[in-house]
Amino acid sequence: MNSRVLTITAIFIALLFINNQGALAGPADWLSSTPKKTDKDEFSEAGNDYRLNCTPCHGENGDGNGQLASSLSKPPRNHLDAKYMSGRTDEQLFKAISEGGAAVGKAEDMPPHNTTLSKGAIQGLVKYLRHLCDCQYKKK
């Protein structure tokens, strides 16, 4: 390793352990100073996850008209359709995202996302879908 890489690495490590007063902090001090996520932060993360994982098929605004929509065996779900979406439980939406469309008897083109997204991220996407459709599950 050259000296520049070692210097940058040392600075990075030092910064990890320095608190906002400039003194060395122990692990407990560092953890207690870590800011908590807000609902706004989680919603923003869910929006980013949606853009990265869902918009190619479901479209930028969730209307089912993404760039890949025409190449799929079935049209992607329109997440703006409140009537349809309110007939699906959060658990059904979670399972579809987590295990893929085939797991809930829907399009096999939809891949499972449980290998690329955490459980919390998928829960965030379910909340994001509820925001898109402006609806909640309603028993029929």
N, C-alpha and C. Protein backbone atom coordinates (compact mmCIF):
# COMPACT_ATOMS: atom_id res chain seq x y z
N MET A 1 0.84 -1.18 0.00
CA MET A 1 0.00 0.00 0.00
C MET A 1 0.88 1.24 0.00
N ASN A 2 0.52 2.22 -0.77
CA ASN A 2 1.35 3.41 -0.78
C ASN A 2 1.00 4.30 0.41
N SER A 3 1.84 5.26 0.69
CA SER A 3 1.67 6.09 1.89
C SER A 3 0.42 6.96 1.83
N ARG A 4 0.00 7.34 0.64
CA ARG A 4 -1.21 8.17 0.52
C ARG A 4 -2.45 7.39 0.94
N VAL A 5 -2.54 6.13 0.52
CA VAL A 5 -3.67 5.28 0.89
C VAL A 5 -3.67 5.06 2.40
N LEU A 6 -2.49 4.80 2.98
CA LEU A 6 -2.39 4.61 4.42
C LEU A 6 -2.81 5.86 5.19
N THR A 7 -2.41 7.02 4.71
CA THR A 7 -2.76 8.28 5.37
C THR A 7 -4.27 8.51 5.31
N ILE A 8 -4.87 8.30 4.15
CA ILE A 8 -6.32 8.49 4.00
C ILE A 8 -7.07 7.50 4.89
N THR A 9 -6.61 6.27 4.94
CA THR A 9 -7.24 5.26 5.78
C THR A 9 -7.14 5.65 7.25
N ALA A 10 -5.99 6.12 7.68
CA ALA A 10 -5.80 6.53 9.08
C ALA A 10 -6.70 7.70 9.43
N ILE A 11 -6.82 8.65 8.54
CA ILE A 11 -7.69 9.81 8.78
C ILE A 11 -9.13 9.36 8.89
N PHE A 12 -9.56 8.49 7.99
CA PHE A 12 -10.92 7.99 8.02
C PHE A 12 -11.22 7.28 9.33
N ILE A 13 -10.33 6.42 9.78
CA ILE A 13 -10.52 5.69 11.04
C ILE A 13 -10.57 6.67 12.21
N ALA A 14 -9.69 7.65 12.21
CA ALA A 14 -9.68 8.64 13.29
C ALA A 14 -10.99 9.41 13.34
N LEU A 15 -11.51 9.78 12.18
CA LEU A 15 -12.76 10.53 12.13
C LEU A 15 -13.94 9.71 12.65
N LEU A 16 -13.88 8.42 12.47
CA LEU A 16 -14.95 7.57 12.98
C LEU A 16 -15.05 7.62 14.50
N PHE A 17 -13.93 7.84 15.16
CA PHE A 17 -13.91 7.80 16.62
C PHE A 17 -13.85 9.17 17.28
N ILE A 18 -13.92 10.23 16.51
CA ILE A 18 -13.87 11.57 17.10
C ILE A 18 -15.29 12.11 17.19
N ASN A 19 -15.68 12.55 18.40
CA ASN A 19 -17.04 13.11 18.52
C ASN A 19 -17.03 14.58 18.14
N ASN A 20 -18.17 15.23 18.26
CA ASN A 20 -18.29 16.59 17.76
C ASN A 20 -17.52 17.62 18.59
N GLN A 21 -16.96 17.27 19.76
CA GLN A 21 -16.12 18.19 20.52
C GLN A 21 -14.64 18.02 20.19
N GLY A 22 -14.32 17.05 19.36
CA GLY A 22 -12.94 16.84 18.97
C GLY A 22 -12.20 15.88 19.87
N ALA A 23 -12.85 15.30 20.86
CA ALA A 23 -12.20 14.34 21.75
C ALA A 23 -12.53 12.93 21.28
N LEU A 24 -11.64 12.01 21.62
CA LEU A 24 -11.90 10.63 21.26
C LEU A 24 -13.13 10.14 22.01
N ALA A 25 -13.97 9.41 21.32
CA ALA A 25 -15.18 8.89 21.93
C ALA A 25 -15.12 7.38 21.94
N GLY A 26 -15.67 6.79 22.95
CA GLY A 26 -15.78 5.34 23.03
C GLY A 26 -16.96 4.88 22.18
N PRO A 27 -17.10 3.57 22.00
CA PRO A 27 -18.19 3.06 21.18
C PRO A 27 -19.57 3.50 21.68
N ALA A 28 -19.78 3.51 22.99
CA ALA A 28 -21.08 3.90 23.53
C ALA A 28 -21.37 5.37 23.21
N ASP A 29 -20.35 6.23 23.29
CA ASP A 29 -20.54 7.64 22.97
C ASP A 29 -20.93 7.82 21.51
N TRP A 30 -20.27 7.08 20.65
CA TRP A 30 -20.55 7.20 19.23
C TRP A 30 -21.97 6.74 18.92
N LEU A 31 -22.38 5.61 19.51
CA LEU A 31 -23.72 5.10 19.24
C LEU A 31 -24.80 6.05 19.74
N SER A 32 -24.57 6.64 20.91
CA SER A 32 -25.59 7.52 21.47
C SER A 32 -25.70 8.82 20.69
N SER A 33 -24.67 9.18 19.93
CA SER A 33 -24.73 10.42 19.17
C SER A 33 -25.25 10.19 17.74
N THR A 34 -25.50 8.93 17.37
CA THR A 34 -26.02 8.63 16.05
C THR A 34 -27.47 9.10 15.96
N PRO A 35 -27.79 9.93 15.00
CA PRO A 35 -29.16 10.43 14.90
C PRO A 35 -30.13 9.31 14.54
N LYS A 36 -31.32 9.38 15.07
CA LYS A 36 -32.38 8.41 14.77
C LYS A 36 -33.03 8.79 13.44
N LYS A 37 -33.51 7.76 12.73
CA LYS A 37 -34.22 8.01 11.48
C LYS A 37 -35.60 8.59 11.81
N THR A 38 -36.02 9.51 11.02
CA THR A 38 -37.35 10.07 11.16
C THR A 38 -38.26 9.40 10.14
N ASP A 39 -39.57 9.60 10.29
CA ASP A 39 -40.51 9.07 9.29
C ASP A 39 -40.20 9.64 7.92
N LYS A 40 -39.78 10.90 7.89
CA LYS A 40 -39.44 11.55 6.62
C LYS A 40 -38.23 10.86 5.98
N ASP A 41 -37.23 10.50 6.79
CA ASP A 41 -36.06 9.79 6.27
C ASP A 41 -36.45 8.42 5.71
N GLU A 42 -37.29 7.70 6.46
CA GLU A 42 -37.71 6.37 6.01
C GLU A 42 -38.54 6.46 4.74
N PHE A 43 -39.41 7.48 4.64
CA PHE A 43 -40.21 7.66 3.44
C PHE A 43 -39.32 7.99 2.25
N SER A 44 -38.31 8.80 2.48
CA SER A 44 -37.37 9.16 1.42
C SER A 44 -36.61 7.92 0.94
N GLU A 45 -36.19 7.07 1.88
CA GLU A 45 -35.50 5.82 1.52
C GLU A 45 -36.42 4.91 0.73
N ALA A 46 -37.68 4.82 1.15
CA ALA A 46 -38.64 3.97 0.43
C ALA A 46 -38.85 4.50 -0.99
N GLY A 47 -38.90 5.82 -1.13
CA GLY A 47 -39.03 6.41 -2.46
C GLY A 47 -37.84 6.08 -3.34
N ASN A 48 -36.65 6.13 -2.75
CA ASN A 48 -35.44 5.77 -3.50
C ASN A 48 -35.47 4.30 -3.89
N ASP A 49 -35.88 3.43 -2.94
CA ASP A 49 -35.99 2.01 -3.25
C ASP A 49 -37.00 1.76 -4.37
N TYR A 50 -38.11 2.49 -4.33
CA TYR A 50 -39.13 2.35 -5.37
C TYR A 50 -38.54 2.75 -6.73
N ARG A 51 -37.86 3.89 -6.75
CA ARG A 51 -37.27 4.36 -8.02
C ARG A 51 -36.26 3.35 -8.57
N LEU A 52 -35.45 2.78 -7.70
CA LEU A 52 -34.42 1.85 -8.16
C LEU A 52 -34.98 0.49 -8.56
N ASN A 53 -35.95 -0.02 -7.82
CA ASN A 53 -36.40 -1.39 -8.01
C ASN A 53 -37.73 -1.55 -8.74
N CYS A 54 -38.56 -0.54 -8.70
CA CYS A 54 -39.93 -0.70 -9.19
C CYS A 54 -40.24 0.09 -10.46
N THR A 55 -39.64 1.27 -10.60
CA THR A 55 -40.01 2.13 -11.74
C THR A 55 -39.68 1.57 -13.11
N PRO A 56 -38.66 0.71 -13.26
CA PRO A 56 -38.44 0.18 -14.62
C PRO A 56 -39.69 -0.50 -15.19
N CYS A 57 -40.48 -1.12 -14.34
CA CYS A 57 -41.71 -1.78 -14.80
C CYS A 57 -42.96 -0.97 -14.47
N HIS A 58 -43.05 -0.48 -13.23
CA HIS A 58 -44.27 0.19 -12.76
C HIS A 58 -44.33 1.68 -13.10
N GLY A 59 -43.24 2.25 -13.59
CA GLY A 59 -43.23 3.64 -13.99
C GLY A 59 -42.84 4.60 -12.88
N GLU A 60 -42.38 5.77 -13.28
CA GLU A 60 -41.93 6.80 -12.34
C GLU A 60 -43.01 7.18 -11.33
N ASN A 61 -44.25 7.26 -11.77
CA ASN A 61 -45.31 7.66 -10.85
C ASN A 61 -46.15 6.48 -10.39
N GLY A 62 -45.79 5.25 -10.79
CA GLY A 62 -46.47 4.05 -10.32
C GLY A 62 -47.67 3.64 -11.15
N ASP A 63 -47.83 4.22 -12.35
CA ASP A 63 -49.02 3.95 -13.16
C ASP A 63 -48.94 2.67 -13.99
N GLY A 64 -47.84 1.91 -13.86
CA GLY A 64 -47.70 0.66 -14.60
C GLY A 64 -47.11 0.82 -15.99
N ASN A 65 -46.63 2.00 -16.31
CA ASN A 65 -46.10 2.28 -17.65
C ASN A 65 -44.60 2.54 -17.64
N GLY A 66 -43.86 1.65 -17.01
CA GLY A 66 -42.42 1.80 -16.97
C GLY A 66 -41.77 1.44 -18.30
N GLN A 67 -40.48 1.71 -18.40
CA GLN A 67 -39.74 1.46 -19.65
C GLN A 67 -39.76 -0.01 -20.07
N LEU A 68 -39.83 -0.92 -19.10
CA LEU A 68 -39.82 -2.35 -19.42
C LEU A 68 -41.22 -2.95 -19.56
N ALA A 69 -42.25 -2.16 -19.31
CA ALA A 69 -43.62 -2.67 -19.26
C ALA A 69 -44.01 -3.42 -20.53
N SER A 70 -43.67 -2.90 -21.68
CA SER A 70 -44.08 -3.54 -22.94
C SER A 70 -43.38 -4.86 -23.20
N SER A 71 -42.28 -5.12 -22.52
CA SER A 71 -41.54 -6.36 -22.75
C SER A 71 -41.95 -7.48 -21.78
N LEU A 72 -42.87 -7.22 -20.89
CA LEU A 72 -43.28 -8.20 -19.89
C LEU A 72 -44.46 -9.05 -20.38
N SER A 73 -44.60 -10.24 -19.81
CA SER A 73 -45.68 -11.13 -20.23
C SER A 73 -47.06 -10.62 -19.80
N LYS A 74 -47.11 -9.85 -18.70
CA LYS A 74 -48.35 -9.23 -18.23
C LYS A 74 -48.05 -7.78 -17.89
N PRO A 75 -49.02 -6.91 -18.09
CA PRO A 75 -48.77 -5.50 -17.73
C PRO A 75 -48.50 -5.36 -16.23
N PRO A 76 -47.56 -4.52 -15.85
CA PRO A 76 -47.29 -4.30 -14.44
C PRO A 76 -48.49 -3.64 -13.75
N ARG A 77 -48.62 -3.90 -12.49
CA ARG A 77 -49.71 -3.34 -11.70
C ARG A 77 -49.63 -1.81 -11.68
N ASN A 78 -50.79 -1.19 -11.77
CA ASN A 78 -50.91 0.25 -11.62
C ASN A 78 -51.06 0.54 -10.13
N HIS A 79 -50.03 1.04 -9.51
CA HIS A 79 -50.06 1.29 -8.07
C HIS A 79 -50.91 2.50 -7.69
N LEU A 80 -51.40 3.23 -8.68
CA LEU A 80 -52.27 4.37 -8.42
C LEU A 80 -53.74 3.95 -8.33
N ASP A 81 -54.03 2.71 -8.69
CA ASP A 81 -55.40 2.19 -8.71
C ASP A 81 -55.87 1.88 -7.28
N ALA A 82 -56.50 2.87 -6.66
CA ALA A 82 -56.91 2.74 -5.25
C ALA A 82 -57.90 1.60 -5.05
N LYS A 83 -58.79 1.38 -6.01
CA LYS A 83 -59.79 0.31 -5.88
C LYS A 83 -59.09 -1.05 -5.78
N TYR A 84 -58.16 -1.31 -6.68
CA TYR A 84 -57.44 -2.58 -6.64
C TYR A 84 -56.54 -2.67 -5.41
N MET A 85 -55.76 -1.63 -5.18
CA MET A 85 -54.77 -1.66 -4.10
C MET A 85 -55.43 -1.76 -2.72
N SER A 86 -56.60 -1.16 -2.54
CA SER A 86 -57.26 -1.24 -1.24
C SER A 86 -57.85 -2.63 -0.99
N GLY A 87 -57.87 -3.47 -2.00
CA GLY A 87 -58.30 -4.86 -1.84
C GLY A 87 -57.16 -5.80 -1.50
N ARG A 88 -55.96 -5.28 -1.34
CA ARG A 88 -54.77 -6.07 -1.00
C ARG A 88 -54.28 -5.68 0.39
N THR A 89 -54.05 -6.70 1.21
CA THR A 89 -53.53 -6.43 2.56
C THR A 89 -52.06 -6.03 2.48
N ASP A 90 -51.58 -5.41 3.53
CA ASP A 90 -50.16 -5.08 3.61
C ASP A 90 -49.32 -6.34 3.53
N GLU A 91 -49.83 -7.43 4.13
CA GLU A 91 -49.10 -8.70 4.10
C GLU A 91 -48.98 -9.23 2.68
N GLN A 92 -50.06 -9.10 1.89
CA GLN A 92 -50.01 -9.55 0.49
C GLN A 92 -49.02 -8.71 -0.31
N LEU A 93 -49.04 -7.40 -0.09
CA LEU A 93 -48.08 -6.54 -0.79
C LEU A 93 -46.66 -6.88 -0.38
N PHE A 94 -46.44 -7.08 0.92
CA PHE A 94 -45.11 -7.44 1.42
C PHE A 94 -44.63 -8.73 0.75
N LYS A 95 -45.50 -9.73 0.71
CA LYS A 95 -45.13 -11.03 0.13
C LYS A 95 -44.82 -10.90 -1.36
N ALA A 96 -45.60 -10.12 -2.08
CA ALA A 96 -45.36 -9.92 -3.51
C ALA A 96 -44.00 -9.28 -3.74
N ILE A 97 -43.67 -8.26 -2.95
CA ILE A 97 -42.37 -7.60 -3.10
C ILE A 97 -41.25 -8.53 -2.67
N SER A 98 -41.44 -9.18 -1.55
CA SER A 98 -40.39 -10.03 -0.99
C SER A 98 -40.12 -11.28 -1.82
N GLU A 99 -41.20 -11.99 -2.19
CA GLU A 99 -41.04 -13.29 -2.83
C GLU A 99 -41.30 -13.28 -4.33
N GLY A 100 -41.78 -12.17 -4.85
CA GLY A 100 -42.04 -12.08 -6.28
C GLY A 100 -43.50 -12.31 -6.62
N GLY A 101 -43.87 -11.95 -7.83
CA GLY A 101 -45.26 -12.04 -8.26
C GLY A 101 -45.83 -13.44 -8.22
N ALA A 102 -45.06 -14.43 -8.60
CA ALA A 102 -45.56 -15.80 -8.63
C ALA A 102 -45.98 -16.29 -7.25
N ALA A 103 -45.35 -15.78 -6.21
CA ALA A 103 -45.66 -16.21 -4.84
C ALA A 103 -47.07 -15.82 -4.41
N VAL A 104 -47.65 -14.84 -5.10
CA VAL A 104 -49.01 -14.40 -4.76
C VAL A 104 -49.96 -14.62 -5.94
N GLY A 105 -49.58 -15.49 -6.87
CA GLY A 105 -50.43 -15.82 -8.00
C GLY A 105 -50.52 -14.72 -9.04
N LYS A 106 -49.51 -13.85 -9.08
CA LYS A 106 -49.50 -12.75 -10.05
C LYS A 106 -48.38 -12.98 -11.05
N ALA A 107 -47.99 -11.96 -11.76
CA ALA A 107 -47.02 -12.07 -12.84
C ALA A 107 -45.70 -12.69 -12.38
N GLU A 108 -45.27 -13.68 -13.12
CA GLU A 108 -44.00 -14.34 -12.83
C GLU A 108 -42.81 -13.46 -13.20
N ASP A 109 -43.05 -12.43 -13.99
CA ASP A 109 -41.98 -11.51 -14.38
C ASP A 109 -41.45 -10.71 -13.18
N MET A 110 -42.31 -10.52 -12.18
CA MET A 110 -41.87 -9.73 -11.03
C MET A 110 -40.95 -10.59 -10.17
N PRO A 111 -39.69 -10.17 -10.05
CA PRO A 111 -38.73 -10.97 -9.29
C PRO A 111 -38.88 -10.76 -7.77
N PRO A 112 -38.37 -11.71 -7.00
CA PRO A 112 -38.34 -11.51 -5.54
C PRO A 112 -37.27 -10.47 -5.20
N HIS A 113 -37.57 -9.64 -4.22
CA HIS A 113 -36.62 -8.61 -3.81
C HIS A 113 -36.04 -8.87 -2.42
N ASN A 114 -36.34 -10.04 -1.84
CA ASN A 114 -35.86 -10.33 -0.48
C ASN A 114 -34.36 -10.60 -0.42
N THR A 115 -33.71 -10.73 -1.55
CA THR A 115 -32.26 -10.91 -1.52
C THR A 115 -31.52 -9.58 -1.68
N THR A 116 -32.24 -8.56 -2.12
CA THR A 116 -31.60 -7.26 -2.32
C THR A 116 -32.11 -6.18 -1.38
N LEU A 117 -33.28 -6.41 -0.78
CA LEU A 117 -33.85 -5.44 0.15
C LEU A 117 -34.09 -6.08 1.51
N SER A 118 -33.86 -5.34 2.56
CA SER A 118 -34.11 -5.84 3.91
C SER A 118 -35.60 -5.88 4.19
N LYS A 119 -35.97 -6.58 5.25
CA LYS A 119 -37.37 -6.64 5.67
C LYS A 119 -37.89 -5.23 5.92
N GLY A 120 -37.10 -4.40 6.59
CA GLY A 120 -37.50 -3.02 6.87
C GLY A 120 -37.70 -2.21 5.60
N ALA A 121 -36.83 -2.42 4.61
CA ALA A 121 -36.96 -1.71 3.34
C ALA A 121 -38.24 -2.13 2.61
N ILE A 122 -38.56 -3.41 2.68
CA ILE A 122 -39.78 -3.90 2.02
C ILE A 122 -41.01 -3.35 2.75
N GLN A 123 -40.96 -3.29 4.07
CA GLN A 123 -42.06 -2.67 4.82
C GLN A 123 -42.21 -1.20 4.42
N GLY A 124 -41.10 -0.53 4.22
CA GLY A 124 -41.13 0.85 3.76
C GLY A 124 -41.78 0.97 2.39
N LEU A 125 -41.50 0.02 1.51
CA LEU A 125 -42.12 0.03 0.18
C LEU A 125 -43.63 -0.18 0.26
N VAL A 126 -44.07 -1.02 1.19
CA VAL A 126 -45.52 -1.22 1.36
C VAL A 126 -46.16 0.11 1.76
N LYS A 127 -45.54 0.82 2.70
CA LYS A 127 -46.06 2.13 3.10
C LYS A 127 -46.04 3.10 1.91
N TYR A 128 -44.99 3.02 1.12
CA TYR A 128 -44.88 3.90 -0.05
C TYR A 128 -46.00 3.60 -1.06
N LEU A 129 -46.30 2.31 -1.25
CA LEU A 129 -47.39 1.94 -2.15
C LEU A 129 -48.71 2.50 -1.65
N ARG A 130 -48.92 2.47 -0.34
CA ARG A 130 -50.15 3.03 0.24
C ARG A 130 -50.22 4.53 -0.02
N HIS A 131 -49.07 5.17 -0.02
CA HIS A 131 -49.03 6.60 -0.34
C HIS A 131 -49.39 6.82 -1.81
N LEU A 132 -48.84 6.00 -2.69
CA LEU A 132 -49.10 6.16 -4.12
C LEU A 132 -50.59 6.01 -4.45
N CYS A 133 -51.21 4.99 -3.86
CA CYS A 133 -52.63 4.74 -4.18
C CYS A 133 -53.55 5.58 -3.30
N ASP A 134 -52.99 6.21 -2.29
CA ASP A 134 -53.78 7.00 -1.33
C ASP A 134 -54.91 6.15 -0.79
N CYS A 135 -54.56 4.93 -0.33
CA CYS A 135 -55.57 3.99 0.12
C CYS A 135 -55.02 3.08 1.23
N GLN A 136 -55.93 2.43 1.91
CA GLN A 136 -55.62 1.41 2.89
C GLN A 136 -56.43 0.16 2.53
N TYR A 137 -56.04 -0.98 3.10
CA TYR A 137 -56.78 -2.21 2.87
C TYR A 137 -58.19 -2.09 3.42
N LYS A 138 -59.16 -2.50 2.61
CA LYS A 138 -60.55 -2.52 3.05
C LYS A 138 -61.11 -3.91 2.80
N LYS A 139 -61.67 -4.52 3.85
CA LYS A 139 -62.30 -5.83 3.65
C LYS A 139 -63.49 -5.67 2.74
N LYS A 140 -63.66 -6.66 1.90
CA LYS A 140 -64.80 -6.61 0.95
C LYS A 140 -66.04 -7.18 1.59
